[in-house]
Amino acid sequence: MKKKLFLIFGPLVLAAVLLAVVLVTPFNFTKPDSEEIHEASLSQSNNIFKGTAVKKAAFE
């Protein structure tokens, strides 16, 4: 009986836990601010060009 209940509700509980983990995990999809774009457009060093989003915004 317990095995049947686990086979029914186990995937539902697992899906709910995985969904909660995905929603709680911090993702940073913000656009770079204007000061960061200005610094990136003036400097060509590696520590300023952190990613392709900053590069694209600096050259636009």
N, C-alpha and C. Protein backbone atom coordinates (compact mmCIF):
# COMPACT_ATOMS: atom_id res chain seq x y z
N MET A 1 0.82 -1.20 0.00
CA MET A 1 0.00 0.00 0.00
C MET A 1 0.87 1.26 0.00
N LYS A 2 1.92 1.26 0.86
CA LYS A 2 2.79 2.42 0.92
C LYS A 2 3.55 2.61 -0.39
N LYS A 3 3.91 1.50 -1.03
CA LYS A 3 4.64 1.59 -2.29
C LYS A 3 3.78 2.23 -3.37
N LYS A 4 2.50 1.88 -3.41
CA LYS A 4 1.60 2.48 -4.40
C LYS A 4 1.44 3.97 -4.15
N LEU A 5 1.31 4.34 -2.87
CA LEU A 5 1.18 5.76 -2.55
C LEU A 5 2.45 6.52 -2.94
N PHE A 6 3.61 5.91 -2.68
CA PHE A 6 4.86 6.56 -3.05
C PHE A 6 4.98 6.70 -4.56
N LEU A 7 4.56 5.68 -5.29
CA LEU A 7 4.63 5.76 -6.75
C LEU A 7 3.68 6.81 -7.31
N ILE A 8 2.61 7.10 -6.59
CA ILE A 8 1.66 8.12 -7.05
C ILE A 8 2.13 9.51 -6.64
N PHE A 9 2.45 9.68 -5.36
CA PHE A 9 2.75 11.01 -4.84
C PHE A 9 4.24 11.36 -4.84
N GLY A 10 5.11 10.39 -5.00
CA GLY A 10 6.55 10.64 -5.02
C GLY A 10 6.97 11.61 -6.12
N PRO A 11 6.59 11.36 -7.36
CA PRO A 11 6.96 12.29 -8.43
C PRO A 11 6.36 13.69 -8.24
N LEU A 12 5.17 13.76 -7.67
CA LEU A 12 4.56 15.07 -7.43
C LEU A 12 5.34 15.86 -6.39
N VAL A 13 5.73 15.19 -5.32
CA VAL A 13 6.52 15.85 -4.28
C VAL A 13 7.88 16.25 -4.82
N LEU A 14 8.51 15.39 -5.58
CA LEU A 14 9.81 15.69 -6.17
C LEU A 14 9.71 16.87 -7.13
N ALA A 15 8.68 16.92 -7.94
CA ALA A 15 8.49 18.04 -8.86
C ALA A 15 8.26 19.34 -8.10
N ALA A 16 7.51 19.29 -7.01
CA ALA A 16 7.27 20.49 -6.21
C ALA A 16 8.56 20.98 -5.57
N VAL A 17 9.38 20.07 -5.08
CA VAL A 17 10.65 20.46 -4.47
C VAL A 17 11.58 21.05 -5.52
N LEU A 18 11.67 20.43 -6.67
CA LEU A 18 12.54 20.96 -7.74
C LEU A 18 12.06 22.32 -8.22
N LEU A 19 10.76 22.50 -8.33
CA LEU A 19 10.22 23.80 -8.73
C LEU A 19 10.55 24.86 -7.69
N ALA A 20 10.44 24.52 -6.42
CA ALA A 20 10.77 25.47 -5.36
C ALA A 20 12.25 25.84 -5.40
N VAL A 21 13.11 24.87 -5.67
CA VAL A 21 14.55 25.15 -5.75
C VAL A 21 14.84 26.09 -6.92
N VAL A 22 14.21 25.86 -8.05
CA VAL A 22 14.44 26.71 -9.23
C VAL A 22 13.94 28.13 -8.97
N LEU A 23 12.80 28.26 -8.30
CA LEU A 23 12.25 29.59 -8.05
C LEU A 23 13.02 30.35 -6.98
N VAL A 24 13.63 29.65 -6.05
CA VAL A 24 14.35 30.31 -4.96
C VAL A 24 15.78 30.65 -5.36
N THR A 25 16.34 29.90 -6.30
CA THR A 25 17.72 30.13 -6.72
C THR A 25 17.85 31.52 -7.33
N PRO A 26 18.82 32.30 -6.84
CA PRO A 26 18.96 33.67 -7.36
C PRO A 26 19.59 33.69 -8.75
N PHE A 27 18.88 34.27 -9.67
CA PHE A 27 19.40 34.50 -11.01
C PHE A 27 19.53 36.00 -11.20
N ASN A 28 20.59 36.43 -11.85
CA ASN A 28 20.81 37.85 -12.06
C ASN A 28 20.72 38.14 -13.56
N PHE A 29 19.53 38.53 -14.00
CA PHE A 29 19.31 38.84 -15.40
C PHE A 29 19.11 40.34 -15.60
N THR A 30 19.70 41.15 -14.74
CA THR A 30 19.52 42.59 -14.85
C THR A 30 20.47 43.16 -15.90
N LYS A 31 20.05 44.25 -16.48
CA LYS A 31 20.89 44.92 -17.46
C LYS A 31 21.95 45.74 -16.72
N PRO A 32 23.12 45.91 -17.32
CA PRO A 32 24.14 46.74 -16.67
C PRO A 32 23.69 48.20 -16.61
N ASP A 33 24.07 48.88 -15.52
CA ASP A 33 23.66 50.27 -15.38
C ASP A 33 24.53 51.17 -16.26
N SER A 34 24.14 52.42 -16.37
CA SER A 34 24.81 53.33 -17.30
C SER A 34 26.24 53.62 -16.88
N GLU A 35 26.53 53.65 -15.58
CA GLU A 35 27.91 53.91 -15.14
C GLU A 35 28.83 52.74 -15.51
N GLU A 36 28.33 51.54 -15.37
CA GLU A 36 29.13 50.37 -15.75
C GLU A 36 29.37 50.34 -17.26
N ILE A 37 28.37 50.73 -18.03
CA ILE A 37 28.54 50.80 -19.49
C ILE A 37 29.56 51.87 -19.85
N HIS A 38 29.51 52.99 -19.16
CA HIS A 38 30.46 54.08 -19.43
C HIS A 38 31.88 53.62 -19.12
N GLU A 39 32.09 52.96 -17.98
CA GLU A 39 33.42 52.45 -17.64
C GLU A 39 33.89 51.41 -18.65
N ALA A 40 32.99 50.56 -19.09
CA ALA A 40 33.36 49.52 -20.04
C ALA A 40 33.71 50.10 -21.40
N SER A 41 33.07 51.19 -21.76
CA SER A 41 33.38 51.79 -23.06
C SER A 41 34.71 52.53 -23.03
N LEU A 42 35.16 52.94 -21.85
CA LEU A 42 36.42 53.66 -21.75
C LEU A 42 37.61 52.73 -21.55
N SER A 43 37.42 51.64 -20.88
CA SER A 43 38.52 50.74 -20.55
C SER A 43 38.37 49.43 -21.32
N GLN A 44 39.47 48.89 -21.74
CA GLN A 44 39.46 47.62 -22.47
C GLN A 44 40.06 46.49 -21.63
N SER A 45 40.24 46.70 -20.33
CA SER A 45 40.85 45.67 -19.49
C SER A 45 39.86 44.54 -19.22
N ASN A 46 40.40 43.39 -18.85
CA ASN A 46 39.57 42.20 -18.64
C ASN A 46 38.66 42.33 -17.44
N ASN A 47 39.07 43.07 -16.40
CA ASN A 47 38.23 43.16 -15.22
C ASN A 47 37.03 44.06 -15.44
N ILE A 48 37.04 44.88 -16.46
CA ILE A 48 35.88 45.72 -16.78
C ILE A 48 34.91 44.94 -17.67
N PHE A 49 35.44 44.25 -18.67
CA PHE A 49 34.58 43.47 -19.56
C PHE A 49 34.26 42.14 -18.89
N LYS A 50 33.21 42.13 -18.12
CA LYS A 50 32.85 40.93 -17.35
C LYS A 50 32.10 39.93 -18.21
N GLY A 51 31.35 40.38 -19.14
CA GLY A 51 30.56 39.45 -19.94
C GLY A 51 30.15 40.06 -21.25
N THR A 52 29.51 39.27 -22.06
CA THR A 52 29.12 39.74 -23.38
C THR A 52 28.00 40.78 -23.30
N ALA A 53 27.18 40.73 -22.25
CA ALA A 53 26.11 41.71 -22.12
C ALA A 53 26.68 43.11 -21.92
N VAL A 54 27.73 43.22 -21.14
CA VAL A 54 28.36 44.52 -20.91
C VAL A 54 29.05 44.98 -22.18
N LYS A 55 29.70 44.06 -22.88
CA LYS A 55 30.38 44.43 -24.12
C LYS A 55 29.39 44.96 -25.15
N LYS A 56 28.29 44.25 -25.32
CA LYS A 56 27.30 44.67 -26.30
C LYS A 56 26.71 46.02 -25.94
N ALA A 57 26.40 46.21 -24.67
CA ALA A 57 25.82 47.48 -24.24
C ALA A 57 26.82 48.62 -24.37
N ALA A 58 28.10 48.34 -24.18
CA ALA A 58 29.12 49.38 -24.29
C ALA A 58 29.31 49.82 -25.73
N PHE A 59 29.18 48.90 -26.67
CA PHE A 59 29.40 49.24 -28.07
C PHE A 59 28.16 49.76 -28.76
N GLU A 60 27.02 49.74 -28.09
CA GLU A 60 25.78 50.25 -28.71
C GLU A 60 25.69 51.75 -28.56
